[in-house]
Amino acid sequence: MSEEQDSEKPAPAMGGMLLTMLFMMYIIMNEELRDGMGAFAGSILEPRIAFDHRYPAVTFLLAGVTMISLTTIIRHVLIDWETMAETQNKMNAYNKEMSEARKSGNEARMKKLMAMQPQVMVLQSEMMSNQMRPMMFTMVIAIPIIMWLRIFVEGMDHAVLSLPWEGNYDLNDDLWFLPHWILVYSALSLPFGQILMRGLKLVSLSGPSVHMPPV
């Protein structure tokens, strides 16, 4: 496809991203809906990983592993990692060419590259849309589990954990605007999520490497 044809390519619609953001805001602002989602998640998770509130750290860990596993797999399936890698390579090549043209003072090359900026904006928009695509689905899983954990902590007789640096770590206290139980949950689950995501991406990109032509 020629550069003239590429420049006429319309930017991808942003309606899906806007709907996703509105959906997230609606859930966050609707307390009754949040509590209902938490109760639904509790009906599934409580009999399996609550352990009658005896091992809260294990409950946090298992809840985190469950949520991270499901949301990571959904993101892995819905995001086109090969297309994203290809887009990033193209944008990196463009930025490198622009930087070299500026350093060398090549006005003709800079003018040509500036004319290609609409195409670069299209690539950026496509990449953002690709990243946002799974968010609505992952929020439907993440928010109920997090809301159930809040209910779980409220049901503890003594909402404290014994940590290496704090013998009585109150889960209901806040660090700035984040409750401690969210911090514990994140610390236990996020490392697993990073490992899983990297593993899935390596599997997706383990085929023949994509080589981008220079702009």
N, C-alpha and C. Protein backbone atom coordinates (compact mmCIF):
# COMPACT_ATOMS: atom_id res chain seq x y z
N MET A 1 0.84 -1.19 0.00
CA MET A 1 0.00 0.00 0.00
C MET A 1 0.88 1.25 0.00
N SER A 2 0.54 2.22 -0.80
CA SER A 2 1.35 3.43 -0.90
C SER A 2 1.13 4.33 0.29
N GLU A 3 2.04 5.32 0.45
CA GLU A 3 1.92 6.26 1.56
C GLU A 3 0.66 7.07 1.43
N GLU A 4 0.26 7.42 0.15
CA GLU A 4 -0.95 8.20 -0.04
C GLU A 4 -2.17 7.42 0.42
N GLN A 5 -2.20 6.11 0.15
CA GLN A 5 -3.31 5.30 0.58
C GLN A 5 -3.34 5.14 2.09
N ASP A 6 -2.13 4.98 2.68
CA ASP A 6 -2.06 4.85 4.13
C ASP A 6 -2.56 6.09 4.82
N SER A 7 -2.23 7.27 4.28
CA SER A 7 -2.61 8.51 4.94
C SER A 7 -4.10 8.72 4.93
N GLU A 8 -4.82 8.03 4.00
CA GLU A 8 -6.26 8.17 3.93
C GLU A 8 -6.98 7.17 4.84
N LYS A 9 -6.24 6.29 5.46
CA LYS A 9 -6.84 5.28 6.31
C LYS A 9 -7.47 5.94 7.53
N PRO A 10 -8.76 5.70 7.81
CA PRO A 10 -9.41 6.37 8.92
C PRO A 10 -8.91 5.84 10.26
N ALA A 11 -8.90 6.71 11.25
CA ALA A 11 -8.52 6.29 12.59
C ALA A 11 -9.58 5.36 13.15
N PRO A 12 -9.19 4.35 13.93
CA PRO A 12 -10.15 3.43 14.49
C PRO A 12 -11.13 4.15 15.41
N ALA A 13 -12.36 3.65 15.44
CA ALA A 13 -13.41 4.27 16.26
C ALA A 13 -13.03 4.20 17.73
N MET A 14 -13.31 5.28 18.47
CA MET A 14 -12.99 5.33 19.89
C MET A 14 -14.20 5.02 20.75
N GLY A 15 -15.34 4.67 20.09
CA GLY A 15 -16.56 4.43 20.84
C GLY A 15 -16.42 3.31 21.85
N GLY A 16 -15.71 2.23 21.49
CA GLY A 16 -15.55 1.11 22.41
C GLY A 16 -14.79 1.50 23.66
N MET A 17 -13.76 2.33 23.51
CA MET A 17 -12.99 2.78 24.67
C MET A 17 -13.84 3.65 25.57
N LEU A 18 -14.65 4.53 24.97
CA LEU A 18 -15.51 5.41 25.77
C LEU A 18 -16.54 4.60 26.53
N LEU A 19 -17.14 3.61 25.88
CA LEU A 19 -18.12 2.76 26.55
C LEU A 19 -17.49 1.99 27.71
N THR A 20 -16.27 1.55 27.51
CA THR A 20 -15.57 0.83 28.58
C THR A 20 -15.35 1.72 29.79
N MET A 21 -14.89 2.95 29.56
CA MET A 21 -14.66 3.87 30.66
C MET A 21 -15.96 4.21 31.38
N LEU A 22 -17.04 4.44 30.62
CA LEU A 22 -18.34 4.74 31.23
C LEU A 22 -18.84 3.56 32.05
N PHE A 23 -18.63 2.35 31.54
CA PHE A 23 -19.04 1.14 32.25
C PHE A 23 -18.29 1.03 33.58
N MET A 24 -16.99 1.29 33.56
CA MET A 24 -16.20 1.23 34.78
C MET A 24 -16.65 2.27 35.80
N MET A 25 -16.90 3.49 35.33
CA MET A 25 -17.35 4.55 36.23
C MET A 25 -18.70 4.22 36.83
N TYR A 26 -19.57 3.62 36.03
CA TYR A 26 -20.91 3.27 36.54
C TYR A 26 -20.80 2.25 37.66
N ILE A 27 -19.95 1.24 37.48
CA ILE A 27 -19.77 0.22 38.52
C ILE A 27 -19.17 0.84 39.78
N ILE A 28 -18.16 1.66 39.61
CA ILE A 28 -17.47 2.26 40.76
C ILE A 28 -18.42 3.15 41.56
N MET A 29 -19.30 3.86 40.89
CA MET A 29 -20.19 4.82 41.56
C MET A 29 -21.46 4.17 42.10
N ASN A 30 -21.80 2.98 41.65
CA ASN A 30 -23.04 2.33 42.07
C ASN A 30 -22.75 1.35 43.20
N GLU A 31 -22.97 1.78 44.43
CA GLU A 31 -22.64 0.97 45.60
C GLU A 31 -23.46 -0.31 45.63
N GLU A 32 -24.74 -0.23 45.30
CA GLU A 32 -25.60 -1.41 45.33
C GLU A 32 -25.11 -2.46 44.34
N LEU A 33 -24.71 -2.00 43.15
CA LEU A 33 -24.20 -2.94 42.15
C LEU A 33 -22.89 -3.56 42.62
N ARG A 34 -21.99 -2.75 43.20
CA ARG A 34 -20.72 -3.27 43.68
C ARG A 34 -20.93 -4.34 44.75
N ASP A 35 -21.84 -4.05 45.70
CA ASP A 35 -22.10 -5.01 46.77
C ASP A 35 -22.73 -6.29 46.23
N GLY A 36 -23.60 -6.14 45.23
CA GLY A 36 -24.21 -7.32 44.63
C GLY A 36 -23.19 -8.18 43.92
N MET A 37 -22.26 -7.52 43.21
CA MET A 37 -21.20 -8.27 42.53
C MET A 37 -20.31 -8.97 43.55
N GLY A 38 -20.02 -8.30 44.67
CA GLY A 38 -19.21 -8.91 45.71
C GLY A 38 -19.90 -10.11 46.34
N ALA A 39 -21.22 -9.99 46.57
CA ALA A 39 -21.97 -11.11 47.15
C ALA A 39 -22.00 -12.30 46.19
N PHE A 40 -22.13 -12.01 44.89
CA PHE A 40 -22.13 -13.10 43.90
C PHE A 40 -20.78 -13.82 43.89
N ALA A 41 -19.68 -13.03 43.90
CA ALA A 41 -18.35 -13.65 43.93
C ALA A 41 -18.17 -14.45 45.21
N GLY A 42 -18.71 -13.93 46.32
CA GLY A 42 -18.59 -14.63 47.60
C GLY A 42 -19.30 -15.98 47.60
N SER A 43 -20.43 -16.06 46.88
CA SER A 43 -21.16 -17.33 46.82
C SER A 43 -20.33 -18.41 46.15
N ILE A 44 -19.37 -18.00 45.31
CA ILE A 44 -18.49 -18.97 44.65
C ILE A 44 -17.20 -19.19 45.43
N LEU A 45 -16.62 -18.09 45.91
CA LEU A 45 -15.29 -18.17 46.53
C LEU A 45 -15.33 -18.55 48.00
N GLU A 46 -16.34 -18.08 48.74
CA GLU A 46 -16.36 -18.27 50.19
C GLU A 46 -16.26 -19.74 50.59
N PRO A 47 -17.05 -20.63 49.99
CA PRO A 47 -16.94 -22.03 50.43
C PRO A 47 -15.59 -22.67 50.10
N ARG A 48 -14.85 -22.07 49.19
CA ARG A 48 -13.62 -22.70 48.69
C ARG A 48 -12.34 -22.13 49.30
N ILE A 49 -12.30 -20.82 49.51
CA ILE A 49 -11.03 -20.23 49.93
C ILE A 49 -11.13 -19.33 51.15
N ALA A 50 -12.31 -19.24 51.79
CA ALA A 50 -12.43 -18.36 52.97
C ALA A 50 -11.85 -19.02 54.22
N PHE A 51 -11.95 -20.35 54.33
CA PHE A 51 -11.39 -21.09 55.47
C PHE A 51 -11.89 -20.55 56.81
N ASP A 52 -13.15 -20.10 56.83
CA ASP A 52 -13.75 -19.54 58.06
C ASP A 52 -12.90 -18.43 58.66
N HIS A 53 -12.25 -17.67 57.82
CA HIS A 53 -11.43 -16.51 58.23
C HIS A 53 -10.21 -16.90 59.07
N ARG A 54 -9.82 -18.16 59.01
CA ARG A 54 -8.68 -18.60 59.84
C ARG A 54 -7.33 -18.29 59.20
N TYR A 55 -7.27 -18.26 57.88
CA TYR A 55 -6.00 -18.04 57.18
C TYR A 55 -6.18 -16.91 56.15
N PRO A 56 -6.33 -15.69 56.63
CA PRO A 56 -6.63 -14.59 55.70
C PRO A 56 -5.56 -14.37 54.64
N ALA A 57 -4.29 -14.56 55.00
CA ALA A 57 -3.23 -14.37 54.00
C ALA A 57 -3.37 -15.37 52.86
N VAL A 58 -3.72 -16.61 53.19
CA VAL A 58 -3.94 -17.62 52.15
C VAL A 58 -5.15 -17.26 51.31
N THR A 59 -6.19 -16.75 51.95
CA THR A 59 -7.38 -16.32 51.20
C THR A 59 -7.03 -15.20 50.23
N PHE A 60 -6.27 -14.21 50.70
CA PHE A 60 -5.85 -13.12 49.81
C PHE A 60 -5.05 -13.67 48.63
N LEU A 61 -4.13 -14.57 48.93
CA LEU A 61 -3.28 -15.13 47.88
C LEU A 61 -4.11 -15.88 46.84
N LEU A 62 -5.00 -16.76 47.30
CA LEU A 62 -5.80 -17.56 46.37
C LEU A 62 -6.78 -16.69 45.58
N ALA A 63 -7.35 -15.68 46.23
CA ALA A 63 -8.24 -14.77 45.52
C ALA A 63 -7.47 -14.01 44.45
N GLY A 64 -6.25 -13.58 44.80
CA GLY A 64 -5.43 -12.86 43.84
C GLY A 64 -5.02 -13.73 42.67
N VAL A 65 -4.60 -14.95 42.96
CA VAL A 65 -4.20 -15.87 41.89
C VAL A 65 -5.38 -16.16 40.97
N THR A 66 -6.57 -16.33 41.55
CA THR A 66 -7.77 -16.58 40.75
C THR A 66 -8.06 -15.41 39.83
N MET A 67 -8.07 -14.21 40.41
CA MET A 67 -8.40 -13.03 39.60
C MET A 67 -7.34 -12.78 38.54
N ILE A 68 -6.07 -12.82 38.94
CA ILE A 68 -4.99 -12.54 38.00
C ILE A 68 -4.97 -13.56 36.87
N SER A 69 -5.20 -14.82 37.20
CA SER A 69 -5.18 -15.87 36.18
C SER A 69 -6.28 -15.63 35.15
N LEU A 70 -7.50 -15.38 35.63
CA LEU A 70 -8.63 -15.20 34.71
C LEU A 70 -8.46 -13.95 33.86
N THR A 71 -8.11 -12.83 34.49
CA THR A 71 -8.00 -11.58 33.72
C THR A 71 -6.81 -11.61 32.77
N THR A 72 -5.71 -12.24 33.19
CA THR A 72 -4.54 -12.33 32.32
C THR A 72 -4.83 -13.19 31.10
N ILE A 73 -5.51 -14.30 31.31
CA ILE A 73 -5.85 -15.17 30.17
C ILE A 73 -6.79 -14.45 29.21
N ILE A 74 -7.77 -13.70 29.76
CA ILE A 74 -8.68 -12.94 28.90
C ILE A 74 -7.92 -11.90 28.09
N ARG A 75 -7.03 -11.16 28.74
CA ARG A 75 -6.24 -10.17 28.02
C ARG A 75 -5.36 -10.82 26.96
N HIS A 76 -4.79 -11.95 27.32
CA HIS A 76 -3.92 -12.64 26.36
C HIS A 76 -4.70 -13.07 25.12
N VAL A 77 -5.92 -13.54 25.32
CA VAL A 77 -6.73 -14.01 24.19
C VAL A 77 -7.21 -12.84 23.33
N LEU A 78 -7.61 -11.75 23.97
CA LEU A 78 -8.25 -10.65 23.23
C LEU A 78 -7.25 -9.66 22.62
N ILE A 79 -6.05 -9.58 23.17
CA ILE A 79 -5.06 -8.65 22.63
C ILE A 79 -4.24 -9.36 21.55
N ASP A 80 -4.10 -8.71 20.42
CA ASP A 80 -3.27 -9.24 19.33
C ASP A 80 -1.83 -8.80 19.59
N TRP A 81 -1.06 -9.67 20.26
CA TRP A 81 0.29 -9.30 20.68
C TRP A 81 1.23 -9.14 19.49
N GLU A 82 1.04 -9.94 18.45
CA GLU A 82 1.91 -9.83 17.28
C GLU A 82 1.68 -8.49 16.57
N THR A 83 0.41 -8.09 16.44
CA THR A 83 0.11 -6.80 15.83
C THR A 83 0.66 -5.66 16.68
N MET A 84 0.54 -5.79 18.01
CA MET A 84 1.05 -4.75 18.89
C MET A 84 2.57 -4.63 18.78
N ALA A 85 3.26 -5.78 18.72
CA ALA A 85 4.72 -5.74 18.57
C ALA A 85 5.10 -5.12 17.23
N GLU A 86 4.36 -5.44 16.19
CA GLU A 86 4.63 -4.87 14.88
C GLU A 86 4.42 -3.36 14.88
N THR A 87 3.33 -2.92 15.53
CA THR A 87 3.04 -1.49 15.62
C THR A 87 4.13 -0.76 16.40
N GLN A 88 4.56 -1.34 17.52
CA GLN A 88 5.62 -0.72 18.32
C GLN A 88 6.92 -0.63 17.54
N ASN A 89 7.23 -1.66 16.76
CA ASN A 89 8.44 -1.61 15.94
C ASN A 89 8.36 -0.48 14.90
N LYS A 90 7.20 -0.33 14.29
CA LYS A 90 7.03 0.74 13.30
C LYS A 90 7.19 2.12 13.96
N MET A 91 6.57 2.29 15.13
CA MET A 91 6.66 3.58 15.81
C MET A 91 8.09 3.86 16.28
N ASN A 92 8.78 2.83 16.76
CA ASN A 92 10.17 3.00 17.17
C ASN A 92 11.05 3.38 15.98
N ALA A 93 10.78 2.74 14.85
CA ALA A 93 11.55 3.07 13.64
C ALA A 93 11.29 4.50 13.21
N TYR A 94 10.05 4.93 13.30
CA TYR A 94 9.71 6.31 12.94
C TYR A 94 10.40 7.30 13.87
N ASN A 95 10.32 7.05 15.17
CA ASN A 95 10.94 7.96 16.14
C ASN A 95 12.46 8.01 15.95
N LYS A 96 13.07 6.87 15.64
CA LYS A 96 14.51 6.84 15.41
C LYS A 96 14.88 7.65 14.18
N GLU A 97 14.11 7.48 13.10
CA GLU A 97 14.37 8.25 11.88
C GLU A 97 14.21 9.74 12.13
N MET A 98 13.17 10.12 12.89
CA MET A 98 12.94 11.53 13.18
C MET A 98 14.08 12.10 14.01
N SER A 99 14.54 11.35 15.00
CA SER A 99 15.64 11.82 15.84
C SER A 99 16.92 12.00 15.03
N GLU A 100 17.22 11.04 14.16
CA GLU A 100 18.43 11.14 13.35
C GLU A 100 18.33 12.29 12.35
N ALA A 101 17.14 12.51 11.80
CA ALA A 101 16.97 13.61 10.85
C ALA A 101 17.17 14.96 11.55
N ARG A 102 16.70 15.08 12.79
CA ARG A 102 16.87 16.33 13.54
C ARG A 102 18.34 16.56 13.88
N LYS A 103 19.02 15.50 14.32
CA LYS A 103 20.42 15.64 14.69
C LYS A 103 21.29 16.03 13.49
N SER A 104 20.96 15.47 12.33
CA SER A 104 21.75 15.76 11.13
C SER A 104 21.30 17.03 10.40
N GLY A 105 20.17 17.60 10.85
CA GLY A 105 19.66 18.80 10.19
C GLY A 105 19.14 18.54 8.79
N ASN A 106 18.68 17.34 8.52
CA ASN A 106 18.17 16.98 7.20
C ASN A 106 16.73 17.47 7.08
N GLU A 107 16.56 18.70 6.58
CA GLU A 107 15.24 19.32 6.51
C GLU A 107 14.30 18.56 5.57
N ALA A 108 14.83 18.07 4.47
CA ALA A 108 13.97 17.35 3.52
C ALA A 108 13.42 16.07 4.15
N ARG A 109 14.29 15.35 4.87
CA ARG A 109 13.86 14.12 5.52
C ARG A 109 12.85 14.42 6.63
N MET A 110 13.10 15.48 7.39
CA MET A 110 12.18 15.86 8.46
C MET A 110 10.81 16.23 7.90
N LYS A 111 10.81 16.95 6.78
CA LYS A 111 9.54 17.34 6.17
C LYS A 111 8.75 16.11 5.73
N LYS A 112 9.45 15.14 5.17
CA LYS A 112 8.79 13.91 4.73
C LYS A 112 8.23 13.13 5.92
N LEU A 113 9.01 13.08 7.02
CA LEU A 113 8.56 12.37 8.20
C LEU A 113 7.39 13.08 8.87
N MET A 114 7.42 14.41 8.89
CA MET A 114 6.31 15.16 9.47
C MET A 114 5.02 14.91 8.69
N ALA A 115 5.14 14.74 7.38
CA ALA A 115 3.97 14.45 6.56
C ALA A 115 3.37 13.09 6.89
N MET A 116 4.17 12.21 7.50
CA MET A 116 3.69 10.88 7.85
C MET A 116 3.07 10.81 9.25
N GLN A 117 3.03 11.95 9.96
CA GLN A 117 2.50 11.94 11.33
C GLN A 117 1.06 11.45 11.43
N PRO A 118 0.17 11.79 10.46
CA PRO A 118 -1.19 11.22 10.55
C PRO A 118 -1.21 9.70 10.58
N GLN A 119 -0.30 9.07 9.83
CA GLN A 119 -0.21 7.62 9.85
C GLN A 119 0.26 7.11 11.21
N VAL A 120 1.20 7.84 11.83
CA VAL A 120 1.69 7.46 13.14
C VAL A 120 0.58 7.57 14.18
N MET A 121 -0.25 8.63 14.07
CA MET A 121 -1.36 8.79 14.99
C MET A 121 -2.36 7.65 14.85
N VAL A 122 -2.56 7.18 13.62
CA VAL A 122 -3.44 6.04 13.41
C VAL A 122 -2.88 4.80 14.11
N LEU A 123 -1.56 4.57 14.00
CA LEU A 123 -0.93 3.44 14.66
C LEU A 123 -1.09 3.52 16.17
N GLN A 124 -0.88 4.72 16.73
CA GLN A 124 -1.03 4.90 18.17
C GLN A 124 -2.45 4.62 18.62
N SER A 125 -3.42 5.09 17.84
CA SER A 125 -4.82 4.87 18.17
C SER A 125 -5.18 3.38 18.10
N GLU A 126 -4.66 2.70 17.09
CA GLU A 126 -4.92 1.26 16.97
C GLU A 126 -4.33 0.49 18.15
N MET A 127 -3.13 0.88 18.57
CA MET A 127 -2.49 0.19 19.68
C MET A 127 -3.26 0.42 20.98
N MET A 128 -3.72 1.64 21.21
CA MET A 128 -4.49 1.94 22.42
C MET A 128 -5.81 1.18 22.41
N SER A 129 -6.46 1.14 21.25
CA SER A 129 -7.72 0.41 21.15
C SER A 129 -7.51 -1.08 21.41
N ASN A 130 -6.40 -1.62 20.92
CA ASN A 130 -6.08 -3.03 21.14
C ASN A 130 -5.87 -3.32 22.62
N GLN A 131 -5.23 -2.40 23.33
CA GLN A 131 -4.96 -2.59 24.76
C GLN A 131 -6.23 -2.45 25.59
N MET A 132 -7.15 -1.57 25.16
CA MET A 132 -8.36 -1.32 25.93
C MET A 132 -9.43 -2.39 25.70
N ARG A 133 -9.34 -3.13 24.61
CA ARG A 133 -10.40 -4.06 24.23
C ARG A 133 -10.82 -5.01 25.35
N PRO A 134 -9.89 -5.62 26.09
CA PRO A 134 -10.32 -6.60 27.10
C PRO A 134 -10.74 -6.00 28.44
N MET A 135 -10.62 -4.67 28.60
CA MET A 135 -10.79 -4.09 29.93
C MET A 135 -12.18 -4.33 30.50
N MET A 136 -13.23 -4.20 29.66
CA MET A 136 -14.57 -4.39 30.17
C MET A 136 -14.75 -5.80 30.71
N PHE A 137 -14.19 -6.79 30.02
CA PHE A 137 -14.34 -8.18 30.45
C PHE A 137 -13.54 -8.44 31.73
N THR A 138 -12.35 -7.87 31.83
CA THR A 138 -11.54 -8.10 33.02
C THR A 138 -12.13 -7.41 34.24
N MET A 139 -12.77 -6.24 34.05
CA MET A 139 -13.38 -5.56 35.17
C MET A 139 -14.55 -6.35 35.74
N VAL A 140 -15.27 -7.05 34.89
CA VAL A 140 -16.40 -7.86 35.35
C VAL A 140 -15.92 -8.98 36.27
N ILE A 141 -14.67 -9.40 36.12
CA ILE A 141 -14.09 -10.42 36.99
C ILE A 141 -13.40 -9.79 38.20
N ALA A 142 -12.63 -8.73 37.96
CA ALA A 142 -11.81 -8.15 39.03
C ALA A 142 -12.65 -7.48 40.11
N ILE A 143 -13.63 -6.68 39.71
CA ILE A 143 -14.40 -5.91 40.69
C ILE A 143 -15.17 -6.82 41.65
N PRO A 144 -15.88 -7.86 41.18
CA PRO A 144 -16.56 -8.73 42.15
C PRO A 144 -15.62 -9.37 43.17
N ILE A 145 -14.45 -9.81 42.73
CA ILE A 145 -13.52 -10.44 43.67
C ILE A 145 -13.01 -9.44 44.69
N ILE A 146 -12.68 -8.24 44.23
CA ILE A 146 -12.21 -7.20 45.16
C ILE A 146 -13.31 -6.82 46.14
N MET A 147 -14.54 -6.69 45.64
CA MET A 147 -15.65 -6.34 46.53
C MET A 147 -15.91 -7.46 47.54
N TRP A 148 -15.72 -8.71 47.13
CA TRP A 148 -15.89 -9.80 48.09
C TRP A 148 -14.80 -9.77 49.15
N LEU A 149 -13.59 -9.43 48.77
CA LEU A 149 -12.52 -9.33 49.76
C LEU A 149 -12.83 -8.26 50.81
N ARG A 150 -13.44 -7.17 50.37
CA ARG A 150 -13.85 -6.15 51.35
C ARG A 150 -14.86 -6.74 52.33
N ILE A 151 -15.84 -7.50 51.81
CA ILE A 151 -16.82 -8.15 52.67
C ILE A 151 -16.13 -9.17 53.59
N PHE A 152 -15.14 -9.87 53.04
CA PHE A 152 -14.40 -10.86 53.81
C PHE A 152 -13.68 -10.21 54.99
N VAL A 153 -13.02 -9.08 54.74
CA VAL A 153 -12.29 -8.38 55.81
C VAL A 153 -13.27 -7.87 56.86
N GLU A 154 -14.42 -7.36 56.43
CA GLU A 154 -15.42 -6.87 57.38
C GLU A 154 -15.94 -8.00 58.27
N GLY A 155 -15.89 -9.23 57.78
CA GLY A 155 -16.38 -10.37 58.56
C GLY A 155 -15.35 -10.97 59.50
N MET A 156 -14.12 -10.48 59.49
CA MET A 156 -13.08 -10.99 60.38
C MET A 156 -13.28 -10.46 61.79
N ASP A 157 -13.13 -11.33 62.78
CA ASP A 157 -13.24 -10.89 64.17
C ASP A 157 -12.14 -9.89 64.50
N HIS A 158 -10.92 -10.17 64.03
CA HIS A 158 -9.79 -9.27 64.24
C HIS A 158 -9.10 -9.09 62.89
N ALA A 159 -9.38 -7.96 62.27
CA ALA A 159 -8.88 -7.71 60.91
C ALA A 159 -7.42 -7.26 60.95
N VAL A 160 -6.55 -8.17 61.38
CA VAL A 160 -5.13 -7.87 61.46
C VAL A 160 -4.34 -9.05 60.89
N LEU A 161 -3.13 -8.74 60.42
CA LEU A 161 -2.20 -9.76 59.97
C LEU A 161 -0.87 -9.55 60.68
N SER A 162 -0.15 -10.62 60.88
CA SER A 162 1.19 -10.54 61.43
C SER A 162 2.19 -10.58 60.28
N LEU A 163 2.86 -9.46 60.06
CA LEU A 163 3.83 -9.35 58.99
C LEU A 163 5.23 -9.23 59.56
N PRO A 164 6.26 -9.53 58.76
CA PRO A 164 7.63 -9.45 59.29
C PRO A 164 7.98 -8.09 59.87
N TRP A 165 7.43 -7.02 59.30
CA TRP A 165 7.76 -5.68 59.78
C TRP A 165 6.68 -5.07 60.67
N GLU A 166 5.56 -5.81 60.86
CA GLU A 166 4.47 -5.29 61.66
C GLU A 166 3.70 -6.45 62.28
N GLY A 167 3.77 -6.54 63.61
CA GLY A 167 3.12 -7.66 64.29
C GLY A 167 1.62 -7.64 64.21
N ASN A 168 1.01 -6.45 64.20
CA ASN A 168 -0.43 -6.31 64.13
C ASN A 168 -0.77 -5.30 63.03
N TYR A 169 -0.79 -5.78 61.81
CA TYR A 169 -1.05 -4.93 60.65
C TYR A 169 -2.56 -4.85 60.44
N ASP A 170 -3.12 -3.70 60.76
CA ASP A 170 -4.57 -3.51 60.70
C ASP A 170 -5.01 -3.40 59.25
N LEU A 171 -5.82 -4.34 58.80
CA LEU A 171 -6.26 -4.37 57.41
C LEU A 171 -7.24 -3.25 57.08
N ASN A 172 -7.86 -2.66 58.10
CA ASN A 172 -8.84 -1.61 57.86
C ASN A 172 -8.24 -0.21 57.85
N ASP A 173 -6.96 -0.10 58.25
CA ASP A 173 -6.30 1.20 58.15
C ASP A 173 -6.03 1.53 56.68
N ASP A 174 -5.75 2.81 56.43
CA ASP A 174 -5.50 3.27 55.07
C ASP A 174 -4.08 3.79 54.92
N LEU A 175 -3.53 3.59 53.73
CA LEU A 175 -2.31 4.26 53.33
C LEU A 175 -2.71 5.23 52.24
N TRP A 176 -2.72 6.52 52.56
CA TRP A 176 -3.33 7.53 51.71
C TRP A 176 -4.80 7.17 51.49
N PHE A 177 -5.18 6.75 50.32
CA PHE A 177 -6.58 6.42 50.07
C PHE A 177 -6.79 4.92 49.90
N LEU A 178 -5.73 4.12 50.03
CA LEU A 178 -5.83 2.68 49.82
C LEU A 178 -5.89 1.95 51.16
N PRO A 179 -6.91 1.11 51.37
CA PRO A 179 -6.94 0.31 52.61
C PRO A 179 -5.82 -0.72 52.59
N HIS A 180 -5.38 -1.07 53.78
CA HIS A 180 -4.26 -2.01 53.90
C HIS A 180 -4.55 -3.36 53.25
N TRP A 181 -5.81 -3.79 53.30
CA TRP A 181 -6.10 -5.12 52.74
C TRP A 181 -5.88 -5.14 51.22
N ILE A 182 -6.10 -3.99 50.57
CA ILE A 182 -5.83 -3.89 49.13
C ILE A 182 -4.32 -4.02 48.89
N LEU A 183 -3.52 -3.40 49.75
CA LEU A 183 -2.07 -3.45 49.60
C LEU A 183 -1.56 -4.88 49.78
N VAL A 184 -2.08 -5.59 50.79
CA VAL A 184 -1.68 -6.97 51.02
C VAL A 184 -2.07 -7.83 49.84
N TYR A 185 -3.29 -7.66 49.39
CA TYR A 185 -3.79 -8.43 48.24
C TYR A 185 -2.92 -8.19 47.00
N SER A 186 -2.57 -6.93 46.75
CA SER A 186 -1.76 -6.59 45.58
C SER A 186 -0.36 -7.17 45.70
N ALA A 187 0.23 -7.06 46.89
CA ALA A 187 1.59 -7.57 47.09
C ALA A 187 1.67 -9.08 46.87
N LEU A 188 0.60 -9.79 47.22
CA LEU A 188 0.60 -11.24 47.08
C LEU A 188 0.29 -11.69 45.65
N SER A 189 -0.52 -10.92 44.92
CA SER A 189 -1.02 -11.39 43.63
C SER A 189 -0.28 -10.82 42.42
N LEU A 190 0.19 -9.58 42.49
CA LEU A 190 0.78 -8.95 41.32
C LEU A 190 2.03 -9.67 40.80
N PRO A 191 2.94 -10.13 41.66
CA PRO A 191 4.11 -10.85 41.11
C PRO A 191 3.70 -12.07 40.28
N PHE A 192 2.69 -12.80 40.75
CA PHE A 192 2.22 -13.95 39.98
C PHE A 192 1.67 -13.50 38.63
N GLY A 193 0.93 -12.38 38.62
CA GLY A 193 0.38 -11.87 37.37
C GLY A 193 1.45 -11.49 36.37
N GLN A 194 2.52 -10.86 36.85
CA GLN A 194 3.60 -10.47 35.96
C GLN A 194 4.28 -11.70 35.34
N ILE A 195 4.49 -12.72 36.15
CA ILE A 195 5.11 -13.94 35.65
C ILE A 195 4.22 -14.61 34.60
N LEU A 196 2.93 -14.70 34.91
CA LEU A 196 2.00 -15.34 33.98
C LEU A 196 1.91 -14.57 32.67
N MET A 197 1.81 -13.25 32.74
CA MET A 197 1.70 -12.43 31.53
C MET A 197 2.94 -12.55 30.67
N ARG A 198 4.11 -12.50 31.29
CA ARG A 198 5.35 -12.64 30.51
C ARG A 198 5.43 -14.01 29.84
N GLY A 199 5.01 -15.03 30.57
CA GLY A 199 5.05 -16.36 29.99
C GLY A 199 4.13 -16.49 28.79
N LEU A 200 2.91 -15.95 28.90
CA LEU A 200 1.96 -16.03 27.80
C LEU A 200 2.44 -15.21 26.60
N LYS A 201 3.03 -14.04 26.87
CA LYS A 201 3.54 -13.22 25.76
C LYS A 201 4.70 -13.90 25.05
N LEU A 202 5.56 -14.57 25.82
CA LEU A 202 6.67 -15.29 25.20
C LEU A 202 6.16 -16.40 24.29
N VAL A 203 5.10 -17.07 24.73
CA VAL A 203 4.52 -18.13 23.91
C VAL A 203 3.94 -17.54 22.63
N SER A 204 3.25 -16.40 22.74
CA SER A 204 2.63 -15.78 21.57
C SER A 204 3.66 -15.28 20.58
N LEU A 205 4.77 -14.76 21.08
CA LEU A 205 5.77 -14.15 20.21
C LEU A 205 6.95 -15.07 19.94
N SER A 206 6.77 -16.36 20.23
CA SER A 206 7.89 -17.29 20.05
C SER A 206 8.07 -17.75 18.61
N GLY A 207 7.16 -17.34 17.73
CA GLY A 207 7.28 -17.70 16.32
C GLY A 207 8.35 -16.86 15.65
N PRO A 208 8.36 -16.85 14.31
CA PRO A 208 9.35 -16.05 13.58
C PRO A 208 9.23 -14.58 13.95
N SER A 209 10.35 -13.95 14.20
CA SER A 209 10.34 -12.56 14.60
C SER A 209 9.87 -11.68 13.44
N VAL A 210 9.21 -10.59 13.82
CA VAL A 210 8.68 -9.67 12.83
C VAL A 210 9.70 -8.56 12.58
N HIS A 211 10.13 -8.38 11.35
CA HIS A 211 11.09 -7.34 11.03
C HIS A 211 10.37 -6.23 10.26
N MET A 212 10.45 -5.03 10.78
CA MET A 212 9.76 -3.92 10.15
C MET A 212 10.67 -3.18 9.18
N PRO A 213 10.15 -2.85 8.02
CA PRO A 213 10.95 -2.02 7.11
C PRO A 213 11.05 -0.62 7.65
N PRO A 214 12.15 0.08 7.39
CA PRO A 214 12.28 1.46 7.86
C PRO A 214 11.26 2.35 7.19
N VAL A 215 10.83 3.40 7.91
CA VAL A 215 9.86 4.33 7.32
C VAL A 215 10.55 5.17 6.27
